[in-house]
Amino acid sequence: MRRQSLNGEAFLTVARRTAGLGLLGLGLCLSVLAQEVVYRCGQEYTNAPRDITQCERLPQQAVTVIPGLRPQTARQAMGSDTPALAPALAPVMDESRVKSEPAQAATVQQSERDVQARTILAQELERMQKQHQALVQAYMQGEPAKLIAEASAPQKYLERVAAIKAAIERTERDIDSVQRELARRPMALKAVKP
């Protein structure tokens, strides 16, 4: 058997062919890996199921590529490519209508929300005042009526008196905070229609 020596040009040709075949083989391997079998195991999709008997093999799907939108260049954004079409395509807007209607609608909606919030706060204040009045009546200036169980245990009586006093103080603070919140809210203005 005779051994041939390769000159530089022949060596490059062989190297290119070998590299080309290697890249082709690599591409085929990657495409095979990309087309691996996929299983559905309950709600999970996987290519490596834990228990293949409880999984369903899904059929091969063709890969779908949806091209995205190309971003506009600065020239296209400025409209210099089609200056004659730009005014025709631009939407016609009446600036006075656009500026006044949303502001007016927002003002009406905001006033409705303010009225609703004020109503809720007024109801809450009324409820708290009734609760405060009931607690003050039960407290009876620090000497509420003793319960049957408290006759033999004076400590329970003292604890109940302290709890009523704390509840009265807490309710007074709540009433003050709701009144401050009501003072912050604007009064409802009723528009008179002619």
N, C-alpha and C. Protein backbone atom coordinates (compact mmCIF):
# COMPACT_ATOMS: atom_id res chain seq x y z
N MET A 1 0.84 -1.16 0.00
CA MET A 1 0.00 0.00 0.00
C MET A 1 0.89 1.23 0.00
N ARG A 2 0.51 2.12 -0.81
CA ARG A 2 1.32 3.30 -1.00
C ARG A 2 0.70 4.48 -0.29
N ARG A 3 1.49 5.20 0.39
CA ARG A 3 1.01 6.35 1.13
C ARG A 3 1.23 7.60 0.30
N GLN A 4 0.16 8.38 0.16
CA GLN A 4 0.29 9.60 -0.62
C GLN A 4 0.40 10.78 0.34
N SER A 5 1.19 11.70 -0.02
CA SER A 5 1.28 12.91 0.78
C SER A 5 0.38 13.96 0.15
N LEU A 6 -0.28 14.68 0.97
CA LEU A 6 -1.20 15.70 0.49
C LEU A 6 -0.49 17.04 0.47
N ASN A 7 -0.65 17.73 -0.63
CA ASN A 7 -0.09 19.08 -0.65
C ASN A 7 -1.06 20.01 0.09
N GLY A 8 -0.73 21.27 0.25
CA GLY A 8 -1.52 22.23 1.02
C GLY A 8 -2.93 22.40 0.50
N GLU A 9 -3.09 22.49 -0.82
CA GLU A 9 -4.41 22.72 -1.42
C GLU A 9 -5.30 21.50 -1.25
N ALA A 10 -4.77 20.33 -1.45
CA ALA A 10 -5.54 19.11 -1.30
C ALA A 10 -5.94 18.90 0.16
N PHE A 11 -5.06 19.26 1.07
CA PHE A 11 -5.35 19.13 2.49
C PHE A 11 -6.52 20.03 2.89
N LEU A 12 -6.52 21.28 2.38
CA LEU A 12 -7.61 22.20 2.68
C LEU A 12 -8.93 21.70 2.13
N THR A 13 -8.90 21.09 0.95
CA THR A 13 -10.12 20.56 0.35
C THR A 13 -10.68 19.44 1.22
N VAL A 14 -9.82 18.54 1.66
CA VAL A 14 -10.25 17.42 2.52
C VAL A 14 -10.75 17.96 3.85
N ALA A 15 -10.07 18.95 4.40
CA ALA A 15 -10.47 19.52 5.68
C ALA A 15 -11.83 20.19 5.57
N ARG A 16 -12.07 20.88 4.46
CA ARG A 16 -13.35 21.54 4.26
C ARG A 16 -14.48 20.52 4.15
N ARG A 17 -14.21 19.45 3.41
CA ARG A 17 -15.24 18.42 3.26
C ARG A 17 -15.54 17.76 4.60
N THR A 18 -14.50 17.48 5.35
CA THR A 18 -14.68 16.85 6.66
C THR A 18 -15.46 17.78 7.59
N ALA A 19 -15.09 19.05 7.58
CA ALA A 19 -15.79 20.01 8.42
C ALA A 19 -17.24 20.15 7.98
N GLY A 20 -17.48 20.16 6.68
CA GLY A 20 -18.84 20.26 6.16
C GLY A 20 -19.67 19.07 6.57
N LEU A 21 -19.09 17.87 6.46
CA LEU A 21 -19.81 16.67 6.88
C LEU A 21 -20.06 16.68 8.39
N GLY A 22 -19.09 17.17 9.15
CA GLY A 22 -19.25 17.26 10.60
C GLY A 22 -20.39 18.20 10.97
N LEU A 23 -20.43 19.36 10.32
CA LEU A 23 -21.51 20.32 10.59
C LEU A 23 -22.87 19.76 10.17
N LEU A 24 -22.90 19.05 9.05
CA LEU A 24 -24.14 18.44 8.60
C LEU A 24 -24.61 17.40 9.62
N GLY A 25 -23.68 16.59 10.09
CA GLY A 25 -24.02 15.59 11.10
C GLY A 25 -24.50 16.23 12.39
N LEU A 26 -23.85 17.31 12.80
CA LEU A 26 -24.26 18.02 14.00
C LEU A 26 -25.66 18.61 13.83
N GLY A 27 -25.93 19.16 12.67
CA GLY A 27 -27.26 19.71 12.39
C GLY A 27 -28.33 18.64 12.46
N LEU A 28 -28.03 17.45 11.91
CA LEU A 28 -29.00 16.35 11.97
C LEU A 28 -29.24 15.91 13.41
N CYS A 29 -28.17 15.85 14.19
CA CYS A 29 -28.32 15.45 15.60
C CYS A 29 -29.18 16.45 16.36
N LEU A 30 -28.93 17.73 16.11
CA LEU A 30 -29.71 18.75 16.80
C LEU A 30 -31.17 18.71 16.38
N SER A 31 -31.42 18.45 15.10
CA SER A 31 -32.82 18.39 14.67
C SER A 31 -33.52 17.17 15.26
N VAL A 32 -32.79 16.08 15.44
CA VAL A 32 -33.37 14.90 16.07
C VAL A 32 -33.68 15.20 17.53
N LEU A 33 -32.76 15.90 18.21
CA LEU A 33 -33.01 16.25 19.60
C LEU A 33 -34.19 17.20 19.73
N ALA A 34 -34.33 18.09 18.76
CA ALA A 34 -35.44 19.04 18.81
C ALA A 34 -36.77 18.34 18.59
N GLN A 35 -36.78 17.20 17.93
CA GLN A 35 -38.00 16.46 17.64
C GLN A 35 -38.17 15.28 18.59
N GLU A 36 -37.72 15.43 19.84
CA GLU A 36 -37.86 14.36 20.81
C GLU A 36 -39.33 14.07 21.08
N VAL A 37 -39.60 12.90 21.58
CA VAL A 37 -40.96 12.49 21.91
C VAL A 37 -41.40 13.25 23.16
N VAL A 38 -42.63 13.73 23.13
CA VAL A 38 -43.18 14.47 24.26
C VAL A 38 -44.35 13.66 24.82
N TYR A 39 -44.41 13.58 26.14
CA TYR A 39 -45.46 12.84 26.83
C TYR A 39 -46.29 13.80 27.67
N ARG A 40 -47.59 13.46 27.78
CA ARG A 40 -48.45 14.20 28.69
C ARG A 40 -48.79 13.26 29.84
N CYS A 41 -48.35 13.66 31.03
CA CYS A 41 -48.59 12.88 32.24
C CYS A 41 -49.51 13.69 33.14
N GLY A 42 -50.82 13.49 33.01
CA GLY A 42 -51.78 14.29 33.77
C GLY A 42 -51.79 15.71 33.24
N GLN A 43 -51.38 16.66 34.05
CA GLN A 43 -51.33 18.06 33.64
C GLN A 43 -49.92 18.48 33.23
N GLU A 44 -48.98 17.58 33.27
CA GLU A 44 -47.58 17.90 33.01
C GLU A 44 -47.16 17.40 31.64
N TYR A 45 -46.39 18.20 30.91
CA TYR A 45 -45.82 17.82 29.63
C TYR A 45 -44.32 17.64 29.84
N THR A 46 -43.78 16.50 29.40
CA THR A 46 -42.37 16.24 29.62
C THR A 46 -41.82 15.33 28.54
N ASN A 47 -40.48 15.34 28.40
CA ASN A 47 -39.84 14.40 27.49
C ASN A 47 -39.17 13.27 28.27
N ALA A 48 -39.24 13.33 29.61
CA ALA A 48 -38.67 12.30 30.46
C ALA A 48 -39.67 11.95 31.55
N PRO A 49 -40.67 11.12 31.22
CA PRO A 49 -41.70 10.80 32.22
C PRO A 49 -41.15 9.89 33.32
N ARG A 50 -41.71 10.03 34.50
CA ARG A 50 -41.29 9.19 35.63
C ARG A 50 -41.86 7.78 35.47
N ASP A 51 -43.14 7.71 35.13
CA ASP A 51 -43.79 6.42 34.93
C ASP A 51 -44.48 6.46 33.57
N ILE A 52 -43.88 5.82 32.59
CA ILE A 52 -44.36 5.91 31.20
C ILE A 52 -45.72 5.26 31.03
N THR A 53 -46.12 4.37 31.95
CA THR A 53 -47.41 3.70 31.82
C THR A 53 -48.57 4.65 32.12
N GLN A 54 -48.31 5.70 32.88
CA GLN A 54 -49.36 6.66 33.22
C GLN A 54 -49.34 7.88 32.31
N CYS A 55 -48.51 7.84 31.26
CA CYS A 55 -48.36 8.99 30.38
C CYS A 55 -48.85 8.66 28.98
N GLU A 56 -49.26 9.69 28.27
CA GLU A 56 -49.74 9.54 26.90
C GLU A 56 -48.73 10.20 25.97
N ARG A 57 -48.31 9.45 24.95
CA ARG A 57 -47.35 9.99 23.99
C ARG A 57 -48.10 10.90 23.01
N LEU A 58 -47.58 12.11 22.84
CA LEU A 58 -48.21 13.07 21.95
C LEU A 58 -47.62 12.96 20.56
N PRO A 59 -48.43 13.16 19.52
CA PRO A 59 -47.90 13.08 18.15
C PRO A 59 -46.94 14.23 17.88
N GLN A 60 -46.04 14.00 16.92
CA GLN A 60 -45.08 15.03 16.53
C GLN A 60 -45.81 16.21 15.92
N GLN A 61 -45.41 17.38 16.26
CA GLN A 61 -46.03 18.60 15.76
C GLN A 61 -45.03 19.35 14.90
N ALA A 62 -45.51 19.95 13.86
CA ALA A 62 -44.64 20.78 13.04
C ALA A 62 -44.38 22.08 13.80
N VAL A 63 -43.19 22.59 13.68
CA VAL A 63 -42.83 23.83 14.35
C VAL A 63 -43.42 24.99 13.58
N THR A 64 -44.12 25.85 14.26
CA THR A 64 -44.73 27.02 13.64
C THR A 64 -43.95 28.25 14.05
N VAL A 65 -43.55 29.03 13.07
CA VAL A 65 -42.83 30.27 13.35
C VAL A 65 -43.69 31.42 12.86
N ILE A 66 -44.01 32.32 13.76
CA ILE A 66 -44.80 33.48 13.41
C ILE A 66 -43.87 34.69 13.41
N PRO A 67 -43.71 35.31 12.26
CA PRO A 67 -42.79 36.45 12.22
C PRO A 67 -43.40 37.64 12.96
N GLY A 68 -42.54 38.36 13.64
CA GLY A 68 -42.99 39.54 14.38
C GLY A 68 -42.98 40.77 13.50
N LEU A 69 -43.44 41.86 14.05
CA LEU A 69 -43.42 43.11 13.32
C LEU A 69 -42.02 43.69 13.35
N ARG A 70 -41.66 44.31 12.28
CA ARG A 70 -40.35 44.95 12.24
C ARG A 70 -40.48 46.33 12.86
N PRO A 71 -39.51 46.72 13.66
CA PRO A 71 -39.59 48.05 14.26
C PRO A 71 -39.40 49.12 13.20
N GLN A 72 -40.06 50.24 13.39
CA GLN A 72 -39.95 51.33 12.44
C GLN A 72 -38.59 52.00 12.59
N THR A 73 -38.07 52.41 11.49
CA THR A 73 -36.85 53.20 11.54
C THR A 73 -37.24 54.63 11.85
N ALA A 74 -36.29 55.44 12.18
CA ALA A 74 -36.57 56.84 12.50
C ALA A 74 -37.18 57.55 11.31
N ARG A 75 -36.75 57.20 10.13
CA ARG A 75 -37.25 57.84 8.92
C ARG A 75 -38.73 57.49 8.72
N GLN A 76 -39.10 56.22 8.95
CA GLN A 76 -40.49 55.81 8.79
C GLN A 76 -41.37 56.44 9.86
N ALA A 77 -40.83 56.56 11.06
CA ALA A 77 -41.60 57.14 12.15
C ALA A 77 -41.92 58.60 11.89
N MET A 78 -40.99 59.30 11.26
CA MET A 78 -41.21 60.72 10.97
C MET A 78 -42.13 60.90 9.78
N GLY A 79 -42.30 59.84 8.98
CA GLY A 79 -43.22 59.91 7.86
C GLY A 79 -42.60 60.50 6.61
N SER A 80 -41.28 60.51 6.52
CA SER A 80 -40.65 61.11 5.34
C SER A 80 -40.72 60.20 4.13
N ASP A 81 -41.02 58.91 4.31
CA ASP A 81 -41.11 58.00 3.17
C ASP A 81 -42.36 58.28 2.35
N THR A 82 -43.47 58.57 2.99
CA THR A 82 -44.73 58.83 2.29
C THR A 82 -45.36 60.11 2.81
N PRO A 83 -44.77 61.25 2.46
CA PRO A 83 -45.32 62.49 3.00
C PRO A 83 -46.71 62.81 2.48
N ALA A 84 -47.06 62.36 1.29
CA ALA A 84 -48.37 62.69 0.74
C ALA A 84 -49.47 61.87 1.42
N LEU A 85 -49.16 60.65 1.88
CA LEU A 85 -50.17 59.79 2.49
C LEU A 85 -50.36 60.06 3.97
N ALA A 86 -49.36 60.62 4.62
CA ALA A 86 -49.42 60.78 6.07
C ALA A 86 -50.62 61.60 6.52
N PRO A 87 -50.92 62.77 5.94
CA PRO A 87 -52.09 63.51 6.41
C PRO A 87 -53.40 62.77 6.15
N ALA A 88 -53.48 62.02 5.07
CA ALA A 88 -54.72 61.32 4.75
C ALA A 88 -54.96 60.17 5.72
N LEU A 89 -53.88 59.53 6.19
CA LEU A 89 -54.03 58.39 7.08
C LEU A 89 -54.21 58.81 8.53
N ALA A 90 -53.80 60.00 8.87
CA ALA A 90 -53.88 60.44 10.26
C ALA A 90 -55.34 60.59 10.67
N PRO A 91 -55.71 60.12 11.85
CA PRO A 91 -57.10 60.25 12.30
C PRO A 91 -57.43 61.71 12.58
N VAL A 92 -58.65 62.07 12.24
CA VAL A 92 -59.10 63.43 12.45
C VAL A 92 -59.58 63.53 13.89
N MET A 93 -59.02 64.50 14.65
CA MET A 93 -59.39 64.66 16.05
C MET A 93 -59.80 66.09 16.31
N ASP A 94 -60.87 66.21 17.01
CA ASP A 94 -61.32 67.52 17.45
C ASP A 94 -60.74 67.72 18.85
N GLU A 95 -59.73 68.58 18.96
CA GLU A 95 -59.01 68.73 20.22
C GLU A 95 -59.91 69.21 21.35
N SER A 96 -60.85 70.09 21.06
CA SER A 96 -61.72 70.59 22.13
C SER A 96 -62.58 69.46 22.70
N ARG A 97 -63.04 68.56 21.84
CA ARG A 97 -63.86 67.45 22.31
C ARG A 97 -63.03 66.48 23.13
N VAL A 98 -61.83 66.17 22.66
CA VAL A 98 -60.98 65.20 23.33
C VAL A 98 -60.56 65.71 24.70
N LYS A 99 -60.26 67.00 24.80
CA LYS A 99 -59.77 67.53 26.06
C LYS A 99 -60.88 67.74 27.08
N SER A 100 -62.05 68.16 26.67
CA SER A 100 -63.09 68.50 27.63
C SER A 100 -63.89 67.30 28.11
N GLU A 101 -64.21 66.37 27.24
CA GLU A 101 -65.06 65.25 27.63
C GLU A 101 -64.43 64.36 28.69
N PRO A 102 -63.18 63.92 28.54
CA PRO A 102 -62.62 63.08 29.60
C PRO A 102 -62.50 63.82 30.92
N ALA A 103 -62.16 65.10 30.88
CA ALA A 103 -62.03 65.86 32.12
C ALA A 103 -63.39 65.98 32.80
N GLN A 104 -64.43 66.23 32.00
CA GLN A 104 -65.77 66.37 32.55
C GLN A 104 -66.25 65.04 33.11
N ALA A 105 -66.00 63.96 32.38
CA ALA A 105 -66.41 62.63 32.85
C ALA A 105 -65.66 62.26 34.12
N ALA A 106 -64.38 62.58 34.16
CA ALA A 106 -63.60 62.27 35.35
C ALA A 106 -64.10 63.07 36.54
N THR A 107 -64.47 64.32 36.32
CA THR A 107 -64.98 65.15 37.40
C THR A 107 -66.30 64.61 37.93
N VAL A 108 -67.18 64.19 37.04
CA VAL A 108 -68.47 63.63 37.46
C VAL A 108 -68.25 62.33 38.23
N GLN A 109 -67.38 61.47 37.71
CA GLN A 109 -67.10 60.21 38.40
C GLN A 109 -66.48 60.46 39.76
N GLN A 110 -65.55 61.40 39.83
CA GLN A 110 -64.90 61.69 41.10
C GLN A 110 -65.90 62.24 42.12
N SER A 111 -66.79 63.11 41.67
CA SER A 111 -67.77 63.66 42.60
C SER A 111 -68.72 62.56 43.08
N GLU A 112 -69.07 61.62 42.21
CA GLU A 112 -69.91 60.50 42.63
C GLU A 112 -69.19 59.64 43.66
N ARG A 113 -67.91 59.40 43.44
CA ARG A 113 -67.13 58.62 44.42
C ARG A 113 -67.01 59.37 45.74
N ASP A 114 -66.84 60.69 45.68
CA ASP A 114 -66.75 61.47 46.91
C ASP A 114 -68.05 61.41 47.70
N VAL A 115 -69.17 61.52 47.00
CA VAL A 115 -70.48 61.44 47.67
C VAL A 115 -70.66 60.07 48.30
N GLN A 116 -70.28 59.03 47.56
CA GLN A 116 -70.42 57.67 48.08
C GLN A 116 -69.53 57.47 49.31
N ALA A 117 -68.29 57.95 49.25
CA ALA A 117 -67.38 57.80 50.38
C ALA A 117 -67.89 58.57 51.59
N ARG A 118 -68.41 59.75 51.35
CA ARG A 118 -68.94 60.57 52.45
C ARG A 118 -70.15 59.88 53.10
N THR A 119 -70.99 59.26 52.28
CA THR A 119 -72.16 58.54 52.80
C THR A 119 -71.72 57.36 53.67
N ILE A 120 -70.73 56.63 53.20
CA ILE A 120 -70.23 55.48 53.96
C ILE A 120 -69.63 55.94 55.28
N LEU A 121 -68.85 57.02 55.25
CA LEU A 121 -68.25 57.54 56.48
C LEU A 121 -69.32 58.03 57.45
N ALA A 122 -70.37 58.67 56.94
CA ALA A 122 -71.45 59.15 57.81
C ALA A 122 -72.17 57.97 58.47
N GLN A 123 -72.39 56.90 57.72
CA GLN A 123 -73.03 55.71 58.30
C GLN A 123 -72.13 55.08 59.36
N GLU A 124 -70.84 55.04 59.09
CA GLU A 124 -69.88 54.47 60.05
C GLU A 124 -69.84 55.33 61.32
N LEU A 125 -69.87 56.64 61.16
CA LEU A 125 -69.87 57.54 62.32
C LEU A 125 -71.12 57.33 63.17
N GLU A 126 -72.27 57.19 62.53
CA GLU A 126 -73.52 56.97 63.25
C GLU A 126 -73.47 55.65 64.03
N ARG A 127 -72.93 54.61 63.38
CA ARG A 127 -72.82 53.30 64.05
C ARG A 127 -71.88 53.40 65.26
N MET A 128 -70.77 54.09 65.11
CA MET A 128 -69.81 54.22 66.21
C MET A 128 -70.39 55.04 67.37
N GLN A 129 -71.16 56.06 67.05
CA GLN A 129 -71.76 56.88 68.10
C GLN A 129 -72.78 56.07 68.89
N LYS A 130 -73.55 55.22 68.22
CA LYS A 130 -74.50 54.34 68.92
C LYS A 130 -73.75 53.35 69.81
N GLN A 131 -72.65 52.80 69.28
CA GLN A 131 -71.85 51.85 70.06
C GLN A 131 -71.26 52.57 71.28
N HIS A 132 -70.78 53.79 71.11
CA HIS A 132 -70.21 54.56 72.21
C HIS A 132 -71.27 54.84 73.28
N GLN A 133 -72.46 55.20 72.83
CA GLN A 133 -73.54 55.48 73.77
C GLN A 133 -73.89 54.22 74.58
N ALA A 134 -73.92 53.06 73.93
CA ALA A 134 -74.23 51.81 74.64
C ALA A 134 -73.13 51.47 75.64
N LEU A 135 -71.87 51.71 75.28
CA LEU A 135 -70.76 51.43 76.19
C LEU A 135 -70.79 52.37 77.40
N VAL A 136 -71.11 53.64 77.18
CA VAL A 136 -71.18 54.60 78.28
C VAL A 136 -72.31 54.22 79.24
N GLN A 137 -73.44 53.77 78.71
CA GLN A 137 -74.54 53.34 79.57
C GLN A 137 -74.15 52.10 80.37
N ALA A 138 -73.41 51.18 79.74
CA ALA A 138 -72.98 49.98 80.46
C ALA A 138 -71.92 50.31 81.51
N TYR A 139 -71.11 51.30 81.26
CA TYR A 139 -70.01 51.67 82.17
C TYR A 139 -70.55 52.33 83.44
N MET A 140 -71.61 53.08 83.33
CA MET A 140 -72.28 53.74 84.46
C MET A 140 -71.29 54.47 85.37
N GLN A 141 -70.47 55.32 84.76
CA GLN A 141 -69.51 56.16 85.46
C GLN A 141 -68.55 55.35 86.33
N GLY A 142 -68.09 54.24 85.80
CA GLY A 142 -67.08 53.43 86.49
C GLY A 142 -67.63 52.40 87.44
N GLU A 143 -68.94 52.31 87.58
CA GLU A 143 -69.53 51.33 88.50
C GLU A 143 -70.67 50.58 87.81
N PRO A 144 -70.33 49.73 86.82
CA PRO A 144 -71.39 48.96 86.15
C PRO A 144 -71.98 47.92 87.10
N ALA A 145 -73.16 47.46 86.77
CA ALA A 145 -73.82 46.45 87.59
C ALA A 145 -73.01 45.17 87.57
N LYS A 146 -72.91 44.55 88.74
CA LYS A 146 -72.14 43.31 88.85
C LYS A 146 -72.96 42.15 88.31
N LEU A 147 -72.26 41.26 87.61
CA LEU A 147 -72.89 40.05 87.11
C LEU A 147 -72.87 39.00 88.21
N ILE A 148 -73.64 37.94 88.04
CA ILE A 148 -73.73 36.88 89.06
C ILE A 148 -72.37 36.24 89.28
N ALA A 149 -71.62 35.97 88.22
CA ALA A 149 -70.32 35.32 88.36
C ALA A 149 -69.29 36.24 89.01
N GLU A 150 -69.51 37.55 88.95
CA GLU A 150 -68.55 38.50 89.49
C GLU A 150 -68.77 38.76 90.99
N ALA A 151 -69.87 38.29 91.53
CA ALA A 151 -70.15 38.52 92.96
C ALA A 151 -69.12 37.82 93.84
N SER A 152 -68.69 36.64 93.43
CA SER A 152 -67.71 35.90 94.23
C SER A 152 -66.28 36.14 93.78
N ALA A 153 -66.09 36.79 92.60
CA ALA A 153 -64.74 37.03 92.08
C ALA A 153 -64.60 38.51 91.73
N PRO A 154 -64.14 39.31 92.68
CA PRO A 154 -64.05 40.75 92.42
C PRO A 154 -63.03 41.10 91.32
N GLN A 155 -62.05 40.24 91.11
CA GLN A 155 -61.04 40.51 90.06
C GLN A 155 -61.68 40.50 88.67
N LYS A 156 -62.62 39.59 88.44
CA LYS A 156 -63.33 39.55 87.16
C LYS A 156 -64.11 40.84 86.93
N TYR A 157 -64.71 41.35 87.99
CA TYR A 157 -65.46 42.60 87.89
C TYR A 157 -64.52 43.75 87.48
N LEU A 158 -63.37 43.84 88.13
CA LEU A 158 -62.42 44.90 87.82
C LEU A 158 -61.89 44.78 86.38
N GLU A 159 -61.68 43.55 85.94
CA GLU A 159 -61.22 43.34 84.55
C GLU A 159 -62.29 43.77 83.55
N ARG A 160 -63.55 43.48 83.86
CA ARG A 160 -64.63 43.87 82.96
C ARG A 160 -64.79 45.38 82.92
N VAL A 161 -64.65 46.04 84.06
CA VAL A 161 -64.74 47.50 84.11
C VAL A 161 -63.62 48.12 83.29
N ALA A 162 -62.40 47.58 83.43
CA ALA A 162 -61.26 48.09 82.66
C ALA A 162 -61.46 47.86 81.16
N ALA A 163 -62.03 46.72 80.79
CA ALA A 163 -62.27 46.41 79.37
C ALA A 163 -63.31 47.36 78.79
N ILE A 164 -64.36 47.67 79.58
CA ILE A 164 -65.39 48.61 79.10
C ILE A 164 -64.78 50.00 78.92
N LYS A 165 -63.96 50.42 79.89
CA LYS A 165 -63.34 51.74 79.80
C LYS A 165 -62.42 51.82 78.58
N ALA A 166 -61.65 50.76 78.32
CA ALA A 166 -60.76 50.74 77.14
C ALA A 166 -61.57 50.77 75.85
N ALA A 167 -62.70 50.07 75.83
CA ALA A 167 -63.55 50.06 74.64
C ALA A 167 -64.15 51.45 74.39
N ILE A 168 -64.51 52.15 75.48
CA ILE A 168 -65.05 53.51 75.33
C ILE A 168 -63.98 54.43 74.76
N GLU A 169 -62.76 54.34 75.28
CA GLU A 169 -61.67 55.19 74.78
C GLU A 169 -61.36 54.89 73.32
N ARG A 170 -61.34 53.61 72.98
CA ARG A 170 -61.07 53.22 71.59
C ARG A 170 -62.16 53.74 70.66
N THR A 171 -63.40 53.63 71.08
CA THR A 171 -64.51 54.11 70.26
C THR A 171 -64.45 55.62 70.10
N GLU A 172 -64.06 56.34 71.15
CA GLU A 172 -63.91 57.80 71.04
C GLU A 172 -62.83 58.17 70.03
N ARG A 173 -61.72 57.44 70.05
CA ARG A 173 -60.65 57.71 69.07
C ARG A 173 -61.13 57.41 67.65
N ASP A 174 -61.89 56.33 67.50
CA ASP A 174 -62.43 55.99 66.17
C ASP A 174 -63.39 57.07 65.68
N ILE A 175 -64.23 57.56 66.58
CA ILE A 175 -65.17 58.62 66.21
C ILE A 175 -64.41 59.87 65.77
N ASP A 176 -63.36 60.22 66.52
CA ASP A 176 -62.56 61.40 66.15
C ASP A 176 -61.93 61.23 64.78
N SER A 177 -61.41 60.04 64.49
CA SER A 177 -60.74 59.83 63.19
C SER A 177 -61.75 59.87 62.04
N VAL A 178 -62.94 59.32 62.25
CA VAL A 178 -63.96 59.37 61.19
C VAL A 178 -64.42 60.81 60.98
N GLN A 179 -64.55 61.58 62.06
CA GLN A 179 -64.94 62.99 61.91
C GLN A 179 -63.86 63.78 61.16
N ARG A 180 -62.59 63.50 61.44
CA ARG A 180 -61.51 64.16 60.69
C ARG A 180 -61.58 63.80 59.21
N GLU A 181 -61.86 62.53 58.93
CA GLU A 181 -61.96 62.09 57.53
C GLU A 181 -63.15 62.76 56.84
N LEU A 182 -64.25 62.89 57.54
CA LEU A 182 -65.42 63.58 56.97
C LEU A 182 -65.11 65.05 56.70
N ALA A 183 -64.33 65.67 57.57
CA ALA A 183 -63.97 67.08 57.37
C ALA A 183 -63.07 67.24 56.14
N ARG A 184 -62.29 66.24 55.84
CA ARG A 184 -61.41 66.29 54.66
C ARG A 184 -62.19 66.13 53.37
N ARG A 185 -63.26 65.39 53.40
CA ARG A 185 -64.05 65.12 52.19
C ARG A 185 -64.87 66.35 51.82
N PRO A 186 -64.94 66.66 50.54
CA PRO A 186 -65.74 67.82 50.12
C PRO A 186 -67.23 67.51 50.27
N MET A 187 -67.97 68.54 50.54
CA MET A 187 -69.42 68.40 50.65
C MET A 187 -70.00 68.15 49.27
N ALA A 188 -71.08 67.42 49.19
CA ALA A 188 -71.73 67.12 47.92
C ALA A 188 -72.42 68.38 47.41
N LEU A 189 -72.08 68.76 46.19
CA LEU A 189 -72.72 69.91 45.57
C LEU A 189 -73.75 69.41 44.58
N LYS A 190 -74.98 69.82 44.76
CA LYS A 190 -76.04 69.39 43.85
C LYS A 190 -76.23 70.46 42.80
N ALA A 191 -76.14 70.03 41.56
CA ALA A 191 -76.32 70.97 40.46
C ALA A 191 -77.81 71.18 40.22
N VAL A 192 -78.20 72.42 40.12
CA VAL A 192 -79.60 72.75 39.87
C VAL A 192 -79.77 72.93 38.37
N LYS A 193 -80.66 72.14 37.78
CA LYS A 193 -80.90 72.22 36.34
C LYS A 193 -82.02 73.21 36.08
N PRO A 194 -81.85 74.13 35.11
CA PRO A 194 -82.90 75.11 34.82
C PRO A 194 -84.07 74.50 34.11
